[in-house]
Amino acid sequence: KTKASVIVGEDEPLVVTLNAEGKLILQETEVALDKLVARLTAITENRKETRVFVRGDRTIAYGKVMQVMGRINLAGFARVALITELPREPARTKK
């Protein structure tokens, strides 16, 4: 048997996605908005310093994404960030 020390570093962030159908996905699992904070708290073992990334489909109203972010933030998770998708560059034409 061996013992290895834990490597101290930045934990992987949790990702909350609001998809095009308006469904809320925490990591890989669908979750209702009213259960989101309880699931985040359980997964993080109530570590409020855990990074949480929120991603919203481009077709979803901005207000819905802000509602999700606000709920997470009000629960005490201070490291909440919005993931954005960079626009694609137009195809270059050959001269």
C-alpha atoms as a PDB file:
ATOM      1  CA  LYS A   1       0.000   0.000   0.000  1.00  0.00           C
ATOM      2  CA  THR A   2       1.113   3.510  -0.714  1.00  0.00           C
ATOM      3  CA  LYS A   3      -0.111   6.881   0.344  1.00  0.00           C
ATOM      4  CA  ALA A   4      -0.093   9.813  -2.018  1.00  0.00           C
ATOM      5  CA  SER A   5      -0.562  13.369  -0.916  1.00  0.00           C
ATOM      6  CA  VAL A   6      -3.368  15.382  -2.390  1.00  0.00           C
ATOM      7  CA  ILE A   7      -2.278  17.867  -5.016  1.00  0.00           C
ATOM      8  CA  VAL A   8      -3.529  21.278  -3.998  1.00  0.00           C
ATOM      9  CA  GLY A   9      -4.856  23.254  -6.906  1.00  0.00           C
ATOM     10  CA  GLU A  10      -7.872  24.864  -8.439  1.00  0.00           C
ATOM     11  CA  ASP A  11     -10.864  22.531  -8.524  1.00  0.00           C
ATOM     12  CA  GLU A  12     -12.643  21.989 -11.803  1.00  0.00           C
ATOM     13  CA  PRO A  13     -15.614  24.326 -12.082  1.00  0.00           C
ATOM     14  CA  LEU A  14     -19.165  23.033 -12.134  1.00  0.00           C
ATOM     15  CA  VAL A  15     -21.051  23.875 -15.313  1.00  0.00           C
ATOM     16  CA  VAL A  16     -24.733  24.789 -15.377  1.00  0.00           C
ATOM     17  CA  THR A  17     -26.248  24.919 -18.866  1.00  0.00           C
ATOM     18  CA  LEU A  18     -29.554  26.397 -19.952  1.00  0.00           C
ATOM     19  CA  ASN A  19     -30.157  24.667 -23.291  1.00  0.00           C
ATOM     20  CA  ALA A  20     -32.220  25.720 -26.306  1.00  0.00           C
ATOM     21  CA  GLU A  21     -35.290  23.907 -24.959  1.00  0.00           C
ATOM     22  CA  GLY A  22     -35.005  25.849 -21.682  1.00  0.00           C
ATOM     23  CA  LYS A  23     -33.870  22.795 -19.719  1.00  0.00           C
ATOM     24  CA  LEU A  24     -31.353  23.288 -16.943  1.00  0.00           C
ATOM     25  CA  ILE A  25     -28.418  20.866 -16.952  1.00  0.00           C
ATOM     26  CA  LEU A  26     -25.962  20.588 -14.040  1.00  0.00           C
ATOM     27  CA  GLN A  27     -22.826  18.933 -15.414  1.00  0.00           C
ATOM     28  CA  GLU A  28     -24.561  16.088 -17.332  1.00  0.00           C
ATOM     29  CA  THR A  29     -27.838  15.841 -15.394  1.00  0.00           C
ATOM     30  CA  GLU A  30     -31.089  17.717 -15.928  1.00  0.00           C
ATOM     31  CA  VAL A  31     -32.284  19.524 -12.817  1.00  0.00           C
ATOM     32  CA  ALA A  32     -35.272  21.730 -12.002  1.00  0.00           C
ATOM     33  CA  LEU A  33     -34.506  25.380 -11.171  1.00  0.00           C
ATOM     34  CA  ASP A  34     -35.983  25.017  -7.682  1.00  0.00           C
ATOM     35  CA  LYS A  35     -33.641  22.052  -6.986  1.00  0.00           C
ATOM     36  CA  LEU A  36     -30.489  23.602  -8.477  1.00  0.00           C
ATOM     37  CA  VAL A  37     -29.104  25.191  -5.306  1.00  0.00           C
ATOM     38  CA  ALA A  38     -29.678  22.038  -3.249  1.00  0.00           C
ATOM     39  CA  ARG A  39     -27.848  19.950  -5.870  1.00  0.00           C
ATOM     40  CA  LEU A  40     -24.952  22.437  -6.061  1.00  0.00           C
ATOM     41  CA  THR A  41     -24.669  22.473  -2.277  1.00  0.00           C
ATOM     42  CA  ALA A  42     -24.646  18.671  -2.115  1.00  0.00           C
ATOM     43  CA  ILE A  43     -22.116  18.255  -4.924  1.00  0.00           C
ATOM     44  CA  THR A  44     -19.749  20.863  -3.497  1.00  0.00           C
ATOM     45  CA  GLU A  45     -20.243  19.660   0.077  1.00  0.00           C
ATOM     46  CA  ASN A  46     -21.330  23.233   0.873  1.00  0.00           C
ATOM     47  CA  ARG A  47     -18.019  24.741  -0.303  1.00  0.00           C
ATOM     48  CA  LYS A  48     -19.273  28.109  -1.477  1.00  0.00           C
ATOM     49  CA  GLU A  49     -15.873  29.016  -2.983  1.00  0.00           C
ATOM     50  CA  THR A  50     -16.410  26.426  -5.748  1.00  0.00           C
ATOM     51  CA  ARG A  51     -16.343  27.955  -9.231  1.00  0.00           C
ATOM     52  CA  VAL A  52     -19.648  27.676 -11.099  1.00  0.00           C
ATOM     53  CA  PHE A  53     -19.870  28.439 -14.806  1.00  0.00           C
ATOM     54  CA  VAL A  54     -23.249  29.232 -16.347  1.00  0.00           C
ATOM     55  CA  ARG A  55     -23.747  28.703 -20.063  1.00  0.00           C
ATOM     56  CA  GLY A  56     -26.908  29.720 -21.907  1.00  0.00           C
ATOM     57  CA  ASP A  57     -27.905  28.743 -25.406  1.00  0.00           C
ATOM     58  CA  ARG A  58     -27.842  31.737 -27.741  1.00  0.00           C
ATOM     59  CA  THR A  59     -31.599  31.379 -28.335  1.00  0.00           C
ATOM     60  CA  ILE A  60     -32.458  31.707 -24.630  1.00  0.00           C
ATOM     61  CA  ALA A  61     -33.470  35.136 -23.336  1.00  0.00           C
ATOM     62  CA  TYR A  62     -30.685  36.847 -21.406  1.00  0.00           C
ATOM     63  CA  GLY A  63     -33.047  37.372 -18.464  1.00  0.00           C
ATOM     64  CA  LYS A  64     -33.460  33.612 -17.974  1.00  0.00           C
ATOM     65  CA  VAL A  65     -29.695  33.137 -17.817  1.00  0.00           C
ATOM     66  CA  MET A  66     -29.434  35.992 -15.297  1.00  0.00           C
ATOM     67  CA  GLN A  67     -32.196  34.390 -13.213  1.00  0.00           C
ATOM     68  CA  VAL A  68     -30.137  31.193 -12.951  1.00  0.00           C
ATOM     69  CA  MET A  69     -26.950  33.128 -12.122  1.00  0.00           C
ATOM     70  CA  GLY A  70     -28.773  35.209  -9.536  1.00  0.00           C
ATOM     71  CA  ARG A  71     -30.198  32.175  -7.785  1.00  0.00           C
ATOM     72  CA  ILE A  72     -26.752  30.570  -7.554  1.00  0.00           C
ATOM     73  CA  ASN A  73     -25.222  33.807  -6.308  1.00  0.00           C
ATOM     74  CA  LEU A  74     -27.943  34.378  -3.697  1.00  0.00           C
ATOM     75  CA  ALA A  75     -27.223  30.887  -2.357  1.00  0.00           C
ATOM     76  CA  GLY A  76     -23.747  32.103  -1.417  1.00  0.00           C
ATOM     77  CA  PHE A  77     -21.713  30.893  -4.376  1.00  0.00           C
ATOM     78  CA  ALA A  78     -19.572  33.951  -5.070  1.00  0.00           C
ATOM     79  CA  ARG A  79     -17.462  32.550  -7.912  1.00  0.00           C
ATOM     80  CA  VAL A  80     -20.141  32.413 -10.599  1.00  0.00           C
ATOM     81  CA  ALA A  81     -19.180  33.266 -14.175  1.00  0.00           C
ATOM     82  CA  LEU A  82     -20.943  33.363 -17.497  1.00  0.00           C
ATOM     83  CA  ILE A  83     -19.489  31.263 -20.315  1.00  0.00           C
ATOM     84  CA  THR A  84     -19.779  32.900 -23.690  1.00  0.00           C
ATOM     85  CA  GLU A  85     -19.229  31.524 -27.142  1.00  0.00           C
ATOM     86  CA  LEU A  86     -17.041  33.591 -29.422  1.00  0.00           C
ATOM     87  CA  PRO A  87     -18.563  34.371 -32.805  1.00  0.00           C
ATOM     88  CA  ARG A  88     -17.181  32.370 -35.677  1.00  0.00           C
ATOM     89  CA  GLU A  89     -14.905  34.136 -38.102  1.00  0.00           C
ATOM     90  CA  PRO A  90     -16.382  34.456 -41.583  1.00  0.00           C
ATOM     91  CA  ALA A  91     -14.923  32.104 -44.152  1.00  0.00           C
ATOM     92  CA  ARG A  92     -12.060  33.674 -46.007  1.00  0.00           C
ATOM     93  CA  THR A  93     -12.319  33.862 -49.754  1.00  0.00           C
ATOM     94  CA  LYS A  94      -9.362  33.042 -51.934  1.00  0.00           C
ATOM     95  CA  LYS A  95      -8.000  35.847 -54.075  1.00  0.00           C
END
